[in-house]
């Protein structure tokens, strides 16, 4: 992985809006639960994308590939007091199953 790949990913997501209904879903869920983003995407691209569309306000943390695997990010959330049996993962890729 390289900075060039990070730059390419950041360029790819620039200007692409979230899927219809995502903002409303995040807003609704934020009223009931804490939310974090766990992604294999570079953190810089995630931050840019979520800030660009104003949806970063609905999550407590954005964890990109630099934070480790999704499983590692969820384990870290447990260290901060979130119980595994109180977590719901909503994926967007076959590997999230």
Protein backbone atom coordinates (compact mmCIF):
# COMPACT_ATOMS: atom_id res chain seq x y z
CA UNK A 1 0.00 0.00 0.00
CA UNK A 2 1.31 3.47 -0.73
CA UNK A 3 0.52 7.16 -0.52
CA UNK A 4 -0.24 7.03 -4.26
CA UNK A 5 -2.96 4.45 -3.61
CA UNK A 6 -4.34 6.59 -0.76
CA UNK A 7 -4.43 9.58 -3.11
CA UNK A 8 -6.21 7.55 -5.78
CA UNK A 9 -8.84 6.32 -3.31
CA UNK A 10 -9.39 9.87 -2.02
CA UNK A 11 -9.90 11.11 -5.59
CA UNK A 12 -12.30 8.25 -6.38
CA UNK A 13 -14.69 9.08 -3.54
CA UNK A 14 -14.56 12.88 -3.94
CA UNK A 15 -17.97 14.16 -4.97
CA UNK A 16 -19.73 10.80 -4.66
CA UNK A 17 -22.74 11.24 -2.38
CA UNK A 18 -23.87 8.58 0.09
CA UNK A 19 -26.55 6.17 -1.08
CA UNK A 20 -30.11 7.50 -0.78
CA UNK A 21 -31.39 7.27 2.79
CA UNK A 22 -27.96 6.88 4.41
CA UNK A 23 -27.91 10.35 6.02
CA UNK A 24 -31.39 9.85 7.44
CA UNK A 25 -30.54 6.37 8.72
CA UNK A 26 -27.34 7.60 10.39
CA UNK A 27 -29.20 10.51 11.97
CA UNK A 28 -31.95 8.24 13.30
CA UNK A 29 -29.51 5.65 14.65
CA UNK A 30 -27.35 8.35 16.27
CA UNK A 31 -30.30 9.25 18.51
CA UNK A 32 -30.34 5.71 19.91
CA UNK A 33 -26.75 4.48 19.83
CA UNK A 34 -23.12 5.39 19.41
CA UNK A 35 -21.78 4.62 15.95
CA UNK A 36 -18.30 4.04 14.59
CA UNK A 37 -17.00 3.51 11.08
CA UNK A 38 -14.71 0.48 10.60
CA UNK A 39 -13.33 0.30 7.09
CA UNK A 40 -10.45 -1.07 5.05
CA UNK A 41 -10.38 2.28 3.21
CA UNK A 42 -7.51 4.66 4.07
CA UNK A 43 -8.47 6.93 6.96
CA UNK A 44 -7.73 10.13 5.03
CA UNK A 45 -10.20 9.15 2.30
CA UNK A 46 -12.84 8.20 4.87
CA UNK A 47 -12.44 11.47 6.78
CA UNK A 48 -12.65 13.45 3.53
CA UNK A 49 -15.71 11.58 2.29
CA UNK A 50 -17.66 11.71 5.56
CA UNK A 51 -16.81 15.39 6.19
CA UNK A 52 -17.57 16.39 2.60
CA UNK A 53 -21.13 15.10 3.00
CA UNK A 54 -21.62 16.21 6.61
CA UNK A 55 -22.25 12.70 7.91
CA UNK A 56 -19.20 12.54 10.18
CA UNK A 57 -21.29 14.31 12.84
CA UNK A 58 -23.30 11.11 13.37
CA UNK A 59 -20.37 8.88 14.40
CA UNK A 60 -18.07 8.79 17.40
CA UNK A 61 -15.04 7.51 15.49
CA UNK A 62 -13.87 6.82 11.96
CA UNK A 63 -11.43 3.90 11.85
CA UNK A 64 -9.72 3.37 8.52
CA UNK A 65 -7.21 0.73 7.51
CA UNK A 66 -4.53 2.33 9.68
CA UNK A 67 -6.54 1.31 12.76
CA UNK A 68 -6.20 -2.35 11.81
CA UNK A 69 -8.79 -4.86 10.71
CA UNK A 70 -12.48 -4.42 11.34
CA UNK A 71 -12.25 -7.12 14.01
CA UNK A 72 -9.43 -5.18 15.68
CA UNK A 73 -11.48 -1.98 15.60
CA UNK A 74 -14.43 -3.76 17.22
CA UNK A 75 -12.10 -5.24 19.85
CA UNK A 76 -10.80 -1.73 20.56
CA UNK A 77 -14.40 -0.53 21.01
CA UNK A 78 -14.81 -3.27 23.63
CA UNK A 79 -11.81 -1.83 25.48
CA UNK A 80 -13.72 1.46 25.65
CA UNK A 81 -16.66 -0.24 27.35
CA UNK A 82 -18.82 -1.32 24.43
CA UNK A 83 -19.99 -4.90 24.93
CA UNK A 84 -19.72 -7.18 21.92
CA UNK A 85 -23.29 -8.41 22.41
CA UNK A 86 -24.47 -4.79 22.17
CA UNK A 87 -22.76 -4.13 18.83
CA UNK A 88 -24.44 -4.29 15.45
CA UNK A 89 -22.26 -4.31 12.37
CA UNK A 90 -23.76 -3.06 9.14
CA UNK A 91 -21.51 -4.01 6.25
CA UNK A 92 -21.25 -2.94 2.66
CA UNK A 93 -19.07 -5.72 1.27
CA UNK A 94 -19.22 -9.53 1.07
CA UNK A 95 -16.25 -9.76 3.44
CA UNK A 96 -18.34 -8.09 6.15
CA UNK A 97 -20.55 -11.15 6.49
